[in-house]
Amino acid sequence: MRAMLVQPGRAALCASRQNPPSSPDLSVQTTPKRPDRRSLLAASLALAAFAALSAGCASDPPVAADRPAVMASAADELRVLVFRGGSAARLGHNHVLRAGDLRVSWPAAGPVLRFRLDALAIDPPALRAALGPAFASAVDDSARDGTRANLLRALEAAAHPEVVVTTLQQVGEGPRRAVEAEISLHGVTRRQWFVAEVQDRRARGEVVIRQSDFGIQPFTVLGGLLAVQDALVVQFELVQP
């Protein structure tokens, strides 16, 4: 909320307008003297000053609120790259997750992103193909369903369904900016710095987060022979409307 600056004496003046002092009871009536020209000029100046100060008693115009989060445009995208691990990693797959219900708002500090874990798209074929050889292995519908079930269980999505990324500040000028953001995941909120590329109204970047930093135990099976690595890569592309 914007602070209201009051000039010295203005607050008392505003109060006096609302509760003007009562006129004193004069027990002796006197015949008023005819004012001279200097007195009239002084009175006029005082009245003008009073009017100018009184204008400041009006309330400041309301500050426009930040626009609420809306569904992202077709140009907006957030992806999470998940990498296989363990001694039997070759038997597993790398995975790519896309935020299916991404919502973006644009306050002054920078964008705020929200998405639900249960709305993540798991391994879209076109996206896997675009990411190159590391994601070239085929993933059928049954494997996608298993990945979704394991993911939501590991992230405890029923208790913590939403992820929120809030921009706190941007440092620098030109196309590359250092950005500090607050990430809320799995009931834990942490601050993180990363680099974003900004051109006109477009922004893109990526940040590495560790599941363990948010109290998440990376998924493992067979005593750790096949596992998901702790580090995740989050990539984003946004267009400001």
C-alpha atoms as a PDB file:
ATOM      1  CA  MET A   1       0.000   0.000   0.000  1.00  0.00           C
ATOM      2  CA  ARG A   2       1.384   3.389  -0.967  1.00  0.00           C
ATOM      3  CA  ALA A   3       2.229   5.640   1.955  1.00  0.00           C
ATOM      4  CA  MET A   4       0.495   9.022   2.061  1.00  0.00           C
ATOM      5  CA  LEU A   5       2.849  11.981   2.438  1.00  0.00           C
ATOM      6  CA  VAL A   6       1.365  14.890   4.379  1.00  0.00           C
ATOM      7  CA  GLN A   7       2.905  18.346   4.396  1.00  0.00           C
ATOM      8  CA  PRO A   8       3.529  19.896   7.843  1.00  0.00           C
ATOM      9  CA  GLY A   9       0.308  21.254   9.197  1.00  0.00           C
ATOM     10  CA  ARG A  10      -1.846  19.595   6.557  1.00  0.00           C
ATOM     11  CA  ALA A  11      -3.178  16.846   8.836  1.00  0.00           C
ATOM     12  CA  ALA A  12      -4.312  19.404  11.385  1.00  0.00           C
ATOM     13  CA  LEU A  13      -5.875  21.457   8.611  1.00  0.00           C
ATOM     14  CA  CYS A  14      -7.828  18.497   7.245  1.00  0.00           C
ATOM     15  CA  ALA A  15      -9.067  17.707  10.745  1.00  0.00           C
ATOM     16  CA  SER A  16     -10.135  21.288  11.293  1.00  0.00           C
ATOM     17  CA  ARG A  17     -12.230  21.192   8.120  1.00  0.00           C
ATOM     18  CA  GLN A  18     -14.134  18.217   9.455  1.00  0.00           C
ATOM     19  CA  ASN A  19     -14.556  19.648  12.993  1.00  0.00           C
ATOM     20  CA  PRO A  20     -14.459  23.448  12.704  1.00  0.00           C
ATOM     21  CA  PRO A  21     -14.032  25.304  16.004  1.00  0.00           C
ATOM     22  CA  SER A  22     -17.151  26.922  17.405  1.00  0.00           C
ATOM     23  CA  SER A  23     -17.342  30.728  17.367  1.00  0.00           C
ATOM     24  CA  PRO A  24     -16.672  32.341  20.732  1.00  0.00           C
ATOM     25  CA  ASP A  25     -19.527  34.044  22.541  1.00  0.00           C
ATOM     26  CA  LEU A  26     -18.764  37.758  22.480  1.00  0.00           C
ATOM     27  CA  SER A  27     -20.476  39.506  25.336  1.00  0.00           C
ATOM     28  CA  VAL A  28     -19.582  42.967  24.076  1.00  0.00           C
ATOM     29  CA  GLN A  29     -20.791  43.950  20.620  1.00  0.00           C
ATOM     30  CA  THR A  30     -18.617  46.383  18.783  1.00  0.00           C
ATOM     31  CA  THR A  31     -19.031  48.145  15.500  1.00  0.00           C
ATOM     32  CA  PRO A  32     -16.614  46.551  13.033  1.00  0.00           C
ATOM     33  CA  LYS A  33     -14.053  48.745  11.417  1.00  0.00           C
ATOM     34  CA  ARG A  34     -14.028  49.094   7.681  1.00  0.00           C
ATOM     35  CA  PRO A  35     -11.103  46.973   6.387  1.00  0.00           C
ATOM     36  CA  ASP A  36      -8.440  48.710   4.386  1.00  0.00           C
ATOM     37  CA  ARG A  37      -7.079  47.486   1.046  1.00  0.00           C
ATOM     38  CA  ARG A  38      -4.039  45.786   2.636  1.00  0.00           C
ATOM     39  CA  SER A  39      -6.287  43.768   4.961  1.00  0.00           C
ATOM     40  CA  LEU A  40      -8.446  42.631   2.041  1.00  0.00           C
ATOM     41  CA  LEU A  41      -5.348  41.579   0.065  1.00  0.00           C
ATOM     42  CA  ALA A  42      -3.976  39.568   3.022  1.00  0.00           C
ATOM     43  CA  ALA A  43      -7.328  37.857   3.519  1.00  0.00           C
ATOM     44  CA  SER A  44      -7.495  36.925  -0.177  1.00  0.00           C
ATOM     45  CA  LEU A  45      -3.991  35.402  -0.062  1.00  0.00           C
ATOM     46  CA  ALA A  46      -4.843  33.435   3.088  1.00  0.00           C
ATOM     47  CA  LEU A  47      -8.030  32.100   1.472  1.00  0.00           C
ATOM     48  CA  ALA A  48      -6.091  31.010  -1.637  1.00  0.00           C
ATOM     49  CA  ALA A  49      -3.503  29.195   0.515  1.00  0.00           C
ATOM     50  CA  PHE A  50      -6.265  27.462   2.486  1.00  0.00           C
ATOM     51  CA  ALA A  51      -7.904  26.258  -0.738  1.00  0.00           C
ATOM     52  CA  ALA A  52      -4.588  24.903  -2.086  1.00  0.00           C
ATOM     53  CA  LEU A  53      -3.834  22.968   1.099  1.00  0.00           C
ATOM     54  CA  SER A  54      -7.399  21.696   1.411  1.00  0.00           C
ATOM     55  CA  ALA A  55      -7.105  20.005  -1.990  1.00  0.00           C
ATOM     56  CA  GLY A  56      -4.557  17.638  -0.419  1.00  0.00           C
ATOM     57  CA  CYS A  57      -7.157  16.329   2.048  1.00  0.00           C
ATOM     58  CA  ALA A  58      -8.782  14.292  -0.690  1.00  0.00           C
ATOM     59  CA  SER A  59      -7.837  10.624  -0.726  1.00  0.00           C
ATOM     60  CA  ASP A  60      -5.082   9.512  -3.094  1.00  0.00           C
ATOM     61  CA  PRO A  61      -6.351   7.688  -6.172  1.00  0.00           C
ATOM     62  CA  PRO A  62      -6.364   3.901  -5.700  1.00  0.00           C
ATOM     63  CA  VAL A  63      -3.309   2.007  -6.885  1.00  0.00           C
ATOM     64  CA  ALA A  64      -4.081  -0.464  -9.634  1.00  0.00           C
ATOM     65  CA  ALA A  65      -3.863  -4.035  -8.317  1.00  0.00           C
ATOM     66  CA  ASP A  66      -1.650  -6.595 -10.031  1.00  0.00           C
ATOM     67  CA  ARG A  67      -3.448  -8.485 -12.727  1.00  0.00           C
ATOM     68  CA  PRO A  68      -4.633 -11.906 -11.566  1.00  0.00           C
ATOM     69  CA  ALA A  69      -3.020 -15.045 -12.911  1.00  0.00           C
ATOM     70  CA  VAL A  70      -4.505 -16.172 -16.220  1.00  0.00           C
ATOM     71  CA  MET A  71      -4.023 -19.263 -18.310  1.00  0.00           C
ATOM     72  CA  ALA A  72      -0.750 -19.015 -20.191  1.00  0.00           C
ATOM     73  CA  SER A  73      -0.780 -18.270 -23.901  1.00  0.00           C
ATOM     74  CA  ALA A  74       0.248 -20.852 -26.473  1.00  0.00           C
ATOM     75  CA  ALA A  75       3.720 -19.263 -26.514  1.00  0.00           C
ATOM     76  CA  ASP A  76       4.245 -19.833 -22.769  1.00  0.00           C
ATOM     77  CA  GLU A  77       5.748 -23.115 -21.632  1.00  0.00           C
ATOM     78  CA  LEU A  78       7.370 -24.627 -18.561  1.00  0.00           C
ATOM     79  CA  ARG A  79       9.170 -27.970 -18.768  1.00  0.00           C
ATOM     80  CA  VAL A  80      10.895 -30.149 -16.194  1.00  0.00           C
ATOM     81  CA  LEU A  81      13.652 -32.537 -17.276  1.00  0.00           C
ATOM     82  CA  VAL A  82      14.014 -35.626 -15.066  1.00  0.00           C
ATOM     83  CA  PHE A  83      17.091 -37.845 -15.452  1.00  0.00           C
ATOM     84  CA  ARG A  84      17.518 -41.558 -14.802  1.00  0.00           C
ATOM     85  CA  GLY A  85      20.100 -42.782 -12.304  1.00  0.00           C
ATOM     86  CA  GLY A  86      21.330 -45.837 -10.438  1.00  0.00           C
ATOM     87  CA  SER A  87      23.570 -48.670 -11.591  1.00  0.00           C
ATOM     88  CA  ALA A  88      20.784 -49.966 -13.872  1.00  0.00           C
ATOM     89  CA  ALA A  89      19.982 -46.529 -15.325  1.00  0.00           C
ATOM     90  CA  ARG A  90      20.222 -47.864 -18.890  1.00  0.00           C
ATOM     91  CA  LEU A  91      17.020 -49.829 -18.217  1.00  0.00           C
ATOM     92  CA  GLY A  92      15.072 -46.659 -17.478  1.00  0.00           C
ATOM     93  CA  HIS A  93      14.181 -43.470 -19.330  1.00  0.00           C
ATOM     94  CA  ASN A  94      14.817 -39.786 -18.980  1.00  0.00           C
ATOM     95  CA  HIS A  95      11.523 -37.943 -18.698  1.00  0.00           C
ATOM     96  CA  VAL A  96      10.148 -34.547 -19.658  1.00  0.00           C
ATOM     97  CA  LEU A  97       7.167 -33.037 -17.867  1.00  0.00           C
ATOM     98  CA  ARG A  98       5.188 -30.085 -19.213  1.00  0.00           C
ATOM     99  CA  ALA A  99       2.971 -27.816 -17.075  1.00  0.00           C
ATOM    100  CA  GLY A 100      -0.447 -28.424 -18.590  1.00  0.00           C
ATOM    101  CA  ASP A 101      -2.338 -25.716 -16.708  1.00  0.00           C
ATOM    102  CA  LEU A 102       0.362 -23.033 -16.493  1.00  0.00           C
ATOM    103  CA  ARG A 103      -1.009 -19.707 -15.181  1.00  0.00           C
ATOM    104  CA  VAL A 104       1.024 -16.500 -15.329  1.00  0.00           C
ATOM    105  CA  SER A 105       0.574 -13.044 -13.809  1.00  0.00           C
ATOM    106  CA  TRP A 106       2.841 -10.050 -14.383  1.00  0.00           C
ATOM    107  CA  PRO A 107       3.401  -7.809 -11.318  1.00  0.00           C
ATOM    108  CA  ALA A 108       6.093  -5.123 -11.374  1.00  0.00           C
ATOM    109  CA  ALA A 109       8.929  -7.370 -10.094  1.00  0.00           C
ATOM    110  CA  GLY A 110       8.409  -9.960 -12.816  1.00  0.00           C
ATOM    111  CA  PRO A 111       6.223 -12.958 -13.650  1.00  0.00           C
ATOM    112  CA  VAL A 112       4.554 -15.277 -11.151  1.00  0.00           C
ATOM    113  CA  LEU A 113       3.967 -18.830 -12.410  1.00  0.00           C
ATOM    114  CA  ARG A 114       1.544 -21.403 -11.012  1.00  0.00           C
ATOM    115  CA  PHE A 115       0.742 -24.944 -12.082  1.00  0.00           C
ATOM    116  CA  ARG A 116      -0.749 -28.113 -10.613  1.00  0.00           C
ATOM    117  CA  LEU A 117       1.235 -31.321 -10.352  1.00  0.00           C
ATOM    118  CA  ASP A 118      -1.721 -33.501 -11.306  1.00  0.00           C
ATOM    119  CA  ALA A 119      -2.045 -31.525 -14.566  1.00  0.00           C
ATOM    120  CA  LEU A 120       1.521 -32.264 -15.724  1.00  0.00           C
ATOM    121  CA  ALA A 121       1.787 -33.797 -19.187  1.00  0.00           C
ATOM    122  CA  ILE A 122       4.109 -36.807 -18.963  1.00  0.00           C
ATOM    123  CA  ASP A 123       6.538 -37.406 -21.838  1.00  0.00           C
ATOM    124  CA  PRO A 124       4.628 -35.807 -24.751  1.00  0.00           C
ATOM    125  CA  PRO A 125       6.032 -37.591 -27.857  1.00  0.00           C
ATOM    126  CA  ALA A 126       6.637 -34.391 -29.880  1.00  0.00           C
ATOM    127  CA  LEU A 127       8.480 -32.790 -26.980  1.00  0.00           C
ATOM    128  CA  ARG A 128      10.651 -35.886 -26.424  1.00  0.00           C
ATOM    129  CA  ALA A 129      11.593 -35.886 -30.084  1.00  0.00           C
ATOM    130  CA  ALA A 130      12.524 -32.190 -29.970  1.00  0.00           C
ATOM    131  CA  LEU A 131      14.878 -32.745 -27.004  1.00  0.00           C
ATOM    132  CA  GLY A 132      17.209 -35.031 -28.945  1.00  0.00           C
ATOM    133  CA  PRO A 133      18.900 -38.412 -28.407  1.00  0.00           C
ATOM    134  CA  ALA A 134      18.806 -38.370 -24.584  1.00  0.00           C
ATOM    135  CA  PHE A 135      14.998 -38.530 -24.826  1.00  0.00           C
ATOM    136  CA  ALA A 136      14.751 -40.602 -27.993  1.00  0.00           C
ATOM    137  CA  SER A 137      13.672 -43.886 -26.348  1.00  0.00           C
ATOM    138  CA  ALA A 138      10.045 -44.809 -26.883  1.00  0.00           C
ATOM    139  CA  VAL A 139       7.640 -44.440 -23.940  1.00  0.00           C
ATOM    140  CA  ASP A 140       4.250 -46.125 -24.315  1.00  0.00           C
ATOM    141  CA  ASP A 141       1.003 -45.203 -22.553  1.00  0.00           C
ATOM    142  CA  SER A 142       1.473 -47.848 -19.880  1.00  0.00           C
ATOM    143  CA  ALA A 143       4.911 -46.459 -19.012  1.00  0.00           C
ATOM    144  CA  ARG A 144       3.465 -42.927 -18.880  1.00  0.00           C
ATOM    145  CA  ASP A 145       0.758 -44.031 -16.463  1.00  0.00           C
ATOM    146  CA  GLY A 146       3.361 -45.690 -14.228  1.00  0.00           C
ATOM    147  CA  THR A 147       5.566 -42.593 -14.300  1.00  0.00           C
ATOM    148  CA  ARG A 148       2.609 -40.369 -13.372  1.00  0.00           C
ATOM    149  CA  ALA A 149       1.636 -42.590 -10.438  1.00  0.00           C
ATOM    150  CA  ASN A 150       5.209 -42.726  -9.097  1.00  0.00           C
ATOM    151  CA  LEU A 151       5.679 -38.991  -9.590  1.00  0.00           C
ATOM    152  CA  LEU A 152       2.522 -37.920  -7.770  1.00  0.00           C
ATOM    153  CA  ARG A 153       3.274 -40.316  -4.915  1.00  0.00           C
ATOM    154  CA  ALA A 154       6.881 -39.087  -4.518  1.00  0.00           C
ATOM    155  CA  LEU A 155       5.789 -35.429  -4.592  1.00  0.00           C
ATOM    156  CA  GLU A 156       2.839 -36.069  -2.249  1.00  0.00           C
ATOM    157  CA  ALA A 157       0.726 -34.160  -4.726  1.00  0.00           C
ATOM    158  CA  ALA A 158      -2.518 -34.826  -2.859  1.00  0.00           C
ATOM    159  CA  ALA A 159      -1.236 -32.770   0.076  1.00  0.00           C
ATOM    160  CA  HIS A 160       0.780 -30.234  -1.953  1.00  0.00           C
ATOM    161  CA  PRO A 161      -0.939 -29.972  -5.338  1.00  0.00           C
ATOM    162  CA  GLU A 162       0.428 -26.659  -6.624  1.00  0.00           C
ATOM    163  CA  VAL A 163       3.846 -25.239  -7.501  1.00  0.00           C
ATOM    164  CA  VAL A 164       4.372 -21.462  -7.393  1.00  0.00           C
ATOM    165  CA  VAL A 165       7.374 -19.561  -8.762  1.00  0.00           C
ATOM    166  CA  THR A 166       7.475 -15.875  -7.793  1.00  0.00           C
ATOM    167  CA  THR A 167       9.987 -13.424  -9.266  1.00  0.00           C
ATOM    168  CA  LEU A 168      11.516 -11.304  -6.468  1.00  0.00           C
ATOM    169  CA  GLN A 169      14.010  -9.147  -8.363  1.00  0.00           C
ATOM    170  CA  GLN A 170      15.946  -8.789 -11.594  1.00  0.00           C
ATOM    171  CA  VAL A 171      19.527  -7.516 -11.730  1.00  0.00           C
ATOM    172  CA  GLY A 172      21.314  -6.213 -14.812  1.00  0.00           C
ATOM    173  CA  GLU A 173      20.516  -4.611 -18.121  1.00  0.00           C
ATOM    174  CA  GLY A 174      20.367  -5.853 -21.652  1.00  0.00           C
ATOM    175  CA  PRO A 175      19.291  -9.320 -22.779  1.00  0.00           C
ATOM    176  CA  ARG A 176      20.799 -11.328 -19.904  1.00  0.00           C
ATOM    177  CA  ARG A 177      19.463 -10.799 -16.377  1.00  0.00           C
ATOM    178  CA  ALA A 178      20.238 -12.309 -12.994  1.00  0.00           C
ATOM    179  CA  VAL A 179      16.871 -13.232 -11.498  1.00  0.00           C
ATOM    180  CA  GLU A 180      16.014 -14.138  -7.922  1.00  0.00           C
ATOM    181  CA  ALA A 181      12.855 -16.170  -7.512  1.00  0.00           C
ATOM    182  CA  GLU A 182      10.974 -17.845  -4.707  1.00  0.00           C
ATOM    183  CA  ILE A 183       9.951 -21.448  -5.440  1.00  0.00           C
ATOM    184  CA  SER A 184       7.187 -23.110  -3.416  1.00  0.00           C
ATOM    185  CA  LEU A 185       7.073 -26.900  -3.842  1.00  0.00           C
ATOM    186  CA  HIS A 186       6.029 -29.764  -1.579  1.00  0.00           C
ATOM    187  CA  GLY A 187       5.135 -27.347   1.222  1.00  0.00           C
ATOM    188  CA  VAL A 188       8.648 -25.816   1.224  1.00  0.00           C
ATOM    189  CA  THR A 189       9.602 -22.352  -0.063  1.00  0.00           C
ATOM    190  CA  ARG A 190      13.169 -21.563  -1.111  1.00  0.00           C
ATOM    191  CA  ARG A 191      14.904 -18.705  -2.897  1.00  0.00           C
ATOM    192  CA  GLN A 192      17.070 -19.329  -5.930  1.00  0.00           C
ATOM    193  CA  TRP A 193      19.093 -17.275  -8.431  1.00  0.00           C
ATOM    194  CA  PHE A 194      19.305 -18.082 -12.143  1.00  0.00           C
ATOM    195  CA  VAL A 195      19.990 -16.391 -15.488  1.00  0.00           C
ATOM    196  CA  ALA A 196      17.212 -15.418 -17.881  1.00  0.00           C
ATOM    197  CA  GLU A 197      17.397 -14.059 -21.408  1.00  0.00           C
ATOM    198  CA  VAL A 198      15.024 -11.161 -22.008  1.00  0.00           C
ATOM    199  CA  GLN A 199      14.262  -9.711 -25.441  1.00  0.00           C
ATOM    200  CA  ASP A 200      11.392  -7.299 -25.985  1.00  0.00           C
ATOM    201  CA  ARG A 201       8.471  -8.991 -24.205  1.00  0.00           C
ATOM    202  CA  ARG A 202       9.939 -12.500 -24.284  1.00  0.00           C
ATOM    203  CA  ALA A 203      11.830 -14.242 -21.493  1.00  0.00           C
ATOM    204  CA  ARG A 204      13.464 -17.646 -21.423  1.00  0.00           C
ATOM    205  CA  GLY A 205      15.775 -19.445 -19.047  1.00  0.00           C
ATOM    206  CA  GLU A 206      16.393 -22.514 -16.960  1.00  0.00           C
ATOM    207  CA  VAL A 207      17.160 -23.304 -13.358  1.00  0.00           C
ATOM    208  CA  VAL A 208      18.479 -26.436 -11.620  1.00  0.00           C
ATOM    209  CA  ILE A 209      16.702 -27.468  -8.419  1.00  0.00           C
ATOM    210  CA  ARG A 210      17.280 -30.445  -6.143  1.00  0.00           C
ATOM    211  CA  GLN A 211      14.329 -32.459  -4.918  1.00  0.00           C
ATOM    212  CA  SER A 212      15.992 -33.026  -1.548  1.00  0.00           C
ATOM    213  CA  ASP A 213      16.103 -29.252  -0.953  1.00  0.00           C
ATOM    214  CA  PHE A 214      12.304 -29.365  -0.846  1.00  0.00           C
ATOM    215  CA  GLY A 215      12.048 -32.416   1.406  1.00  0.00           C
ATOM    216  CA  ILE A 216      11.385 -34.808  -1.485  1.00  0.00           C
ATOM    217  CA  GLN A 217      12.959 -38.272  -1.563  1.00  0.00           C
ATOM    218  CA  PRO A 218      13.865 -39.033  -5.208  1.00  0.00           C
ATOM    219  CA  PHE A 219      12.107 -42.131  -6.523  1.00  0.00           C
ATOM    220  CA  THR A 220      14.066 -45.412  -6.440  1.00  0.00           C
ATOM    221  CA  VAL A 221      13.294 -49.085  -7.068  1.00  0.00           C
ATOM    222  CA  LEU A 222      15.194 -52.350  -6.587  1.00  0.00           C
ATOM    223  CA  GLY A 223      17.225 -50.957  -3.726  1.00  0.00           C
ATOM    224  CA  GLY A 224      18.475 -48.039  -5.805  1.00  0.00           C
ATOM    225  CA  LEU A 225      19.465 -50.030  -8.907  1.00  0.00           C
ATOM    226  CA  LEU A 226      17.056 -47.840 -10.854  1.00  0.00           C
ATOM    227  CA  ALA A 227      16.434 -44.297  -9.611  1.00  0.00           C
ATOM    228  CA  VAL A 228      15.596 -40.729 -10.479  1.00  0.00           C
ATOM    229  CA  GLN A 229      18.448 -38.279  -9.991  1.00  0.00           C
ATOM    230  CA  ASP A 230      18.030 -35.594  -7.329  1.00  0.00           C
ATOM    231  CA  ALA A 231      18.697 -32.657  -9.680  1.00  0.00           C
ATOM    232  CA  LEU A 232      15.929 -31.466 -11.996  1.00  0.00           C
ATOM    233  CA  VAL A 233      16.222 -28.929 -14.816  1.00  0.00           C
ATOM    234  CA  VAL A 234      13.322 -26.484 -15.089  1.00  0.00           C
ATOM    235  CA  GLN A 235      13.072 -24.645 -18.422  1.00  0.00           C
ATOM    236  CA  PHE A 236      10.657 -21.838 -19.241  1.00  0.00           C
ATOM    237  CA  GLU A 237       9.649 -19.615 -22.151  1.00  0.00           C
ATOM    238  CA  LEU A 238       7.237 -16.737 -21.502  1.00  0.00           C
ATOM    239  CA  VAL A 239       5.699 -13.898 -23.497  1.00  0.00           C
ATOM    240  CA  GLN A 240       4.349 -10.875 -21.622  1.00  0.00           C
ATOM    241  CA  PRO A 241       0.936  -9.855 -22.990  1.00  0.00           C
END
